[in-house]
Amino acid sequence: MGKKVNPIAIRLGITTSWKSKWFGGRNFAKNLQEDVRIREAIMSHWKSAAIADVSIERRSGMTKVIILTSRPGMLIGRGGTGIEDINRLIKNKFFAGKKIDLKVEVKEIRQFEENAQLVAQQVAEQLEKRMPFRRVLKSTLEQVQKNNKIKGKCPDGNGLQKGPYHCILFERILIFPGRLPELPMEQLE
């Protein structure tokens, strides 16, 4: 019988790292809640910036927020005004009245096709704009398949692909032309 394991926990230290890097001590719960709220605020405020991940590092008196995005120009803005806006938002919402050194760093993801989170966001944005779903899925599958770092797999019996875009599985997203992702990994085995 198989056991259910958190997919992030099983990859920690191998292919992924912690999203929060700090030692909390007695303030662990408060810091963890703060980190989750900071991530939610950044993700909701800058939805169109294609943010893949937000990492937070804390040291004594200093907090560093690292944002991974495929569109860094939207976050940075002209002359770095966007980073100042992010700084102001975080300081006013979460560190009001505290003396803390806050640094925001924006890192670019050059090929968004390598990141399943960004691919899923792109598909969702296009579907929200009422684009034809078959065209959206076909073009997304073609873009992802051009990139050799993500491999495709079909859940049928022999594992062969039937046609140019029968189906593809990358990380935790399963896309079939004609319907939205809904099958979890456990049903494939």
Protein backbone atom coordinates (compact mmCIF):
# COMPACT_ATOMS: atom_id res chain seq x y z
CA MET A 1 0.00 0.00 0.00
CA GLY A 2 1.29 3.43 -0.92
CA LYS A 3 1.56 6.26 1.56
CA LYS A 4 0.77 9.86 0.76
CA VAL A 5 3.83 12.07 0.96
CA ASN A 6 4.01 15.82 0.56
CA PRO A 7 5.65 16.40 -2.86
CA ILE A 8 7.60 19.43 -1.61
CA ALA A 9 8.88 17.67 1.51
CA ILE A 10 10.20 14.71 -0.45
CA ARG A 11 12.22 17.03 -2.75
CA LEU A 12 13.66 19.33 -0.05
CA GLY A 13 17.42 19.37 -0.23
CA ILE A 14 17.45 17.50 -3.56
CA THR A 15 15.77 19.67 -6.18
CA THR A 16 14.06 22.34 -4.08
CA SER A 17 15.00 24.40 -1.07
CA TRP A 18 13.02 25.93 1.78
CA LYS A 19 10.84 28.94 0.95
CA SER A 20 11.64 30.50 4.32
CA LYS A 21 15.23 30.52 5.54
CA TRP A 22 15.58 31.60 9.15
CA PHE A 23 15.74 30.36 12.71
CA GLY A 24 12.68 31.40 14.68
CA GLY A 25 13.12 30.14 18.20
CA ARG A 26 10.18 31.39 20.25
CA ASN A 27 8.89 33.55 17.40
CA PHE A 28 8.55 30.63 14.97
CA ALA A 29 4.74 30.70 14.64
CA LYS A 30 4.61 34.50 14.31
CA ASN A 31 7.39 34.56 11.69
CA LEU A 32 5.81 31.74 9.70
CA GLN A 33 2.42 33.50 9.62
CA GLU A 34 4.17 36.73 8.60
CA ASP A 35 5.94 34.93 5.75
CA VAL A 36 2.71 33.41 4.45
CA ARG A 37 0.97 36.81 4.56
CA ILE A 38 3.89 38.52 2.80
CA ARG A 39 3.76 35.90 0.03
CA GLU A 40 -0.01 36.26 -0.35
CA ALA A 41 0.21 40.07 -0.44
CA ILE A 42 2.90 40.06 -3.13
CA MET A 43 1.17 37.39 -5.22
CA SER A 44 -2.24 39.08 -5.07
CA HIS A 45 -0.95 42.63 -5.63
CA TRP A 46 1.23 41.72 -8.65
CA LYS A 47 -0.74 38.93 -10.34
CA SER A 48 0.22 39.98 -13.86
CA ALA A 49 3.97 39.88 -13.11
CA ALA A 50 4.13 36.06 -13.51
CA ILE A 51 5.60 35.41 -10.06
CA ALA A 52 6.74 31.80 -9.64
CA ASP A 53 7.99 31.89 -6.06
CA VAL A 54 8.69 34.21 -3.13
CA SER A 55 11.52 33.24 -0.76
CA ILE A 56 12.15 34.99 2.55
CA GLU A 57 15.43 35.06 4.46
CA ARG A 58 15.70 36.55 7.94
CA ARG A 59 18.74 37.45 9.99
CA SER A 60 18.97 39.60 13.08
CA GLY A 61 17.42 42.93 12.12
CA MET A 62 17.35 42.17 8.38
CA THR A 63 14.72 40.59 6.15
CA LYS A 64 15.39 39.73 2.52
CA VAL A 65 12.53 38.97 0.11
CA ILE A 66 13.55 37.19 -3.10
CA ILE A 67 10.96 37.16 -5.89
CA LEU A 68 11.34 34.75 -8.84
CA THR A 69 9.50 36.01 -11.91
CA SER A 70 9.56 35.70 -15.68
CA ARG A 71 8.60 39.39 -16.08
CA PRO A 72 11.02 41.33 -13.85
CA GLY A 73 10.35 44.60 -15.69
CA MET A 74 6.80 44.70 -14.34
CA LEU A 75 8.06 44.41 -10.76
CA ILE A 76 11.09 46.69 -11.01
CA GLY A 77 9.40 49.46 -12.98
CA ARG A 78 11.10 52.58 -14.32
CA GLY A 79 14.14 53.48 -12.30
CA GLY A 80 13.38 50.90 -9.61
CA THR A 81 10.15 52.52 -8.43
CA GLY A 82 8.41 49.14 -8.38
CA ILE A 83 10.86 47.75 -5.82
CA GLU A 84 10.29 50.83 -3.67
CA ASP A 85 6.53 50.16 -3.88
CA ILE A 86 7.05 46.55 -2.77
CA ASN A 87 9.29 47.76 0.08
CA ARG A 88 6.69 50.30 1.18
CA LEU A 89 3.83 47.77 1.00
CA ILE A 90 5.68 45.18 3.10
CA LYS A 91 6.95 47.70 5.67
CA ASN A 92 3.56 49.37 6.12
CA LYS A 93 1.56 46.13 6.32
CA PHE A 94 3.87 43.86 8.29
CA PHE A 95 6.68 45.82 9.93
CA ALA A 96 4.90 49.05 10.92
CA GLY A 97 6.66 50.63 13.90
CA LYS A 98 9.59 48.21 13.81
CA LYS A 99 13.17 49.05 12.94
CA ILE A 100 14.02 46.45 10.35
CA ASP A 101 16.25 46.48 7.30
CA LEU A 102 14.17 45.17 4.37
CA LYS A 103 15.72 44.23 1.03
CA VAL A 104 13.73 43.11 -2.00
CA GLU A 105 15.55 41.17 -4.72
CA VAL A 106 13.98 40.28 -8.07
CA LYS A 107 15.41 37.31 -9.98
CA GLU A 108 14.45 36.51 -13.55
CA ILE A 109 13.40 33.11 -14.83
CA ARG A 110 14.66 33.15 -18.41
CA GLN A 111 12.55 30.28 -19.76
CA PHE A 112 9.11 30.19 -18.18
CA GLU A 113 8.41 26.82 -19.82
CA GLU A 114 10.71 25.17 -17.26
CA ASN A 115 8.48 26.23 -14.37
CA ALA A 116 5.14 24.41 -14.08
CA GLN A 117 3.70 27.18 -11.86
CA LEU A 118 4.28 29.80 -14.56
CA VAL A 119 2.89 27.57 -17.31
CA ALA A 120 -0.28 26.97 -15.27
CA GLN A 121 -0.63 30.72 -14.59
CA GLN A 122 -0.27 31.46 -18.30
CA VAL A 123 -2.97 28.92 -19.21
CA ALA A 124 -5.28 30.33 -16.51
CA GLU A 125 -4.75 33.93 -17.71
CA GLN A 126 -5.54 32.99 -21.30
CA LEU A 127 -8.66 31.05 -20.29
CA GLU A 128 -9.83 34.02 -18.18
CA LYS A 129 -9.50 36.19 -21.30
CA ARG A 130 -11.96 33.80 -22.97
CA MET A 131 -9.50 32.46 -25.53
CA PRO A 132 -10.42 29.13 -27.17
CA PHE A 133 -9.21 26.43 -24.78
CA ARG A 134 -8.07 24.03 -27.51
CA ARG A 135 -5.82 26.67 -29.04
CA VAL A 136 -4.49 27.66 -25.60
CA LEU A 137 -3.66 24.07 -24.66
CA LYS A 138 -2.17 23.26 -28.06
CA SER A 139 0.12 26.30 -28.09
CA THR A 140 1.15 25.75 -24.46
CA LEU A 141 1.94 22.09 -25.10
CA GLU A 142 4.03 23.02 -28.14
CA GLN A 143 6.00 25.59 -26.14
CA VAL A 144 6.63 23.16 -23.29
CA GLN A 145 7.59 20.27 -25.57
CA LYS A 146 10.17 22.45 -27.37
CA ASN A 147 11.96 22.72 -24.05
CA ASN A 148 13.90 19.50 -23.39
CA LYS A 149 13.99 19.84 -19.59
CA ILE A 150 10.35 18.79 -19.10
CA LYS A 151 9.43 15.31 -20.28
CA GLY A 152 5.98 14.15 -21.35
CA LYS A 153 4.12 11.04 -20.24
CA CYS A 154 0.69 9.62 -21.06
CA PRO A 155 -1.47 7.70 -18.57
CA ASP A 156 -2.71 5.15 -21.11
CA GLY A 157 -1.69 1.49 -20.91
CA ASN A 158 1.35 1.43 -23.18
CA GLY A 159 2.59 4.98 -22.57
CA LEU A 160 2.64 5.93 -26.26
CA GLN A 161 1.40 9.30 -27.39
CA LYS A 162 -1.53 9.19 -29.80
CA GLY A 163 -1.13 12.18 -32.10
CA PRO A 164 0.76 15.44 -31.89
CA TYR A 165 -0.66 16.62 -28.56
CA HIS A 166 -2.49 13.70 -26.97
CA CYS A 167 -1.44 14.60 -23.43
CA ILE A 168 1.56 15.69 -21.39
CA LEU A 169 2.45 15.47 -17.73
CA PHE A 170 4.92 17.89 -16.17
CA GLU A 171 5.59 18.06 -12.45
CA ARG A 172 2.05 17.97 -10.96
CA ILE A 173 -0.02 19.31 -13.87
CA LEU A 174 -1.89 16.94 -16.19
CA ILE A 175 -3.44 18.54 -19.25
CA PHE A 176 -5.73 16.81 -21.73
CA PRO A 177 -6.97 18.75 -24.74
CA GLY A 178 -10.66 19.43 -24.23
CA ARG A 179 -10.82 19.63 -20.44
CA LEU A 180 -9.10 21.37 -17.58
CA PRO A 181 -6.53 19.67 -15.31
CA GLU A 182 -8.39 17.57 -12.77
CA LEU A 183 -6.71 14.16 -12.36
CA PRO A 184 -4.33 13.87 -9.40
CA MET A 185 -1.13 11.83 -9.68
CA GLU A 186 -2.49 9.02 -7.48
CA GLN A 187 -5.13 8.10 -10.11
CA LEU A 188 -2.48 7.52 -12.77
CA GLU A 189 -0.86 4.58 -10.98
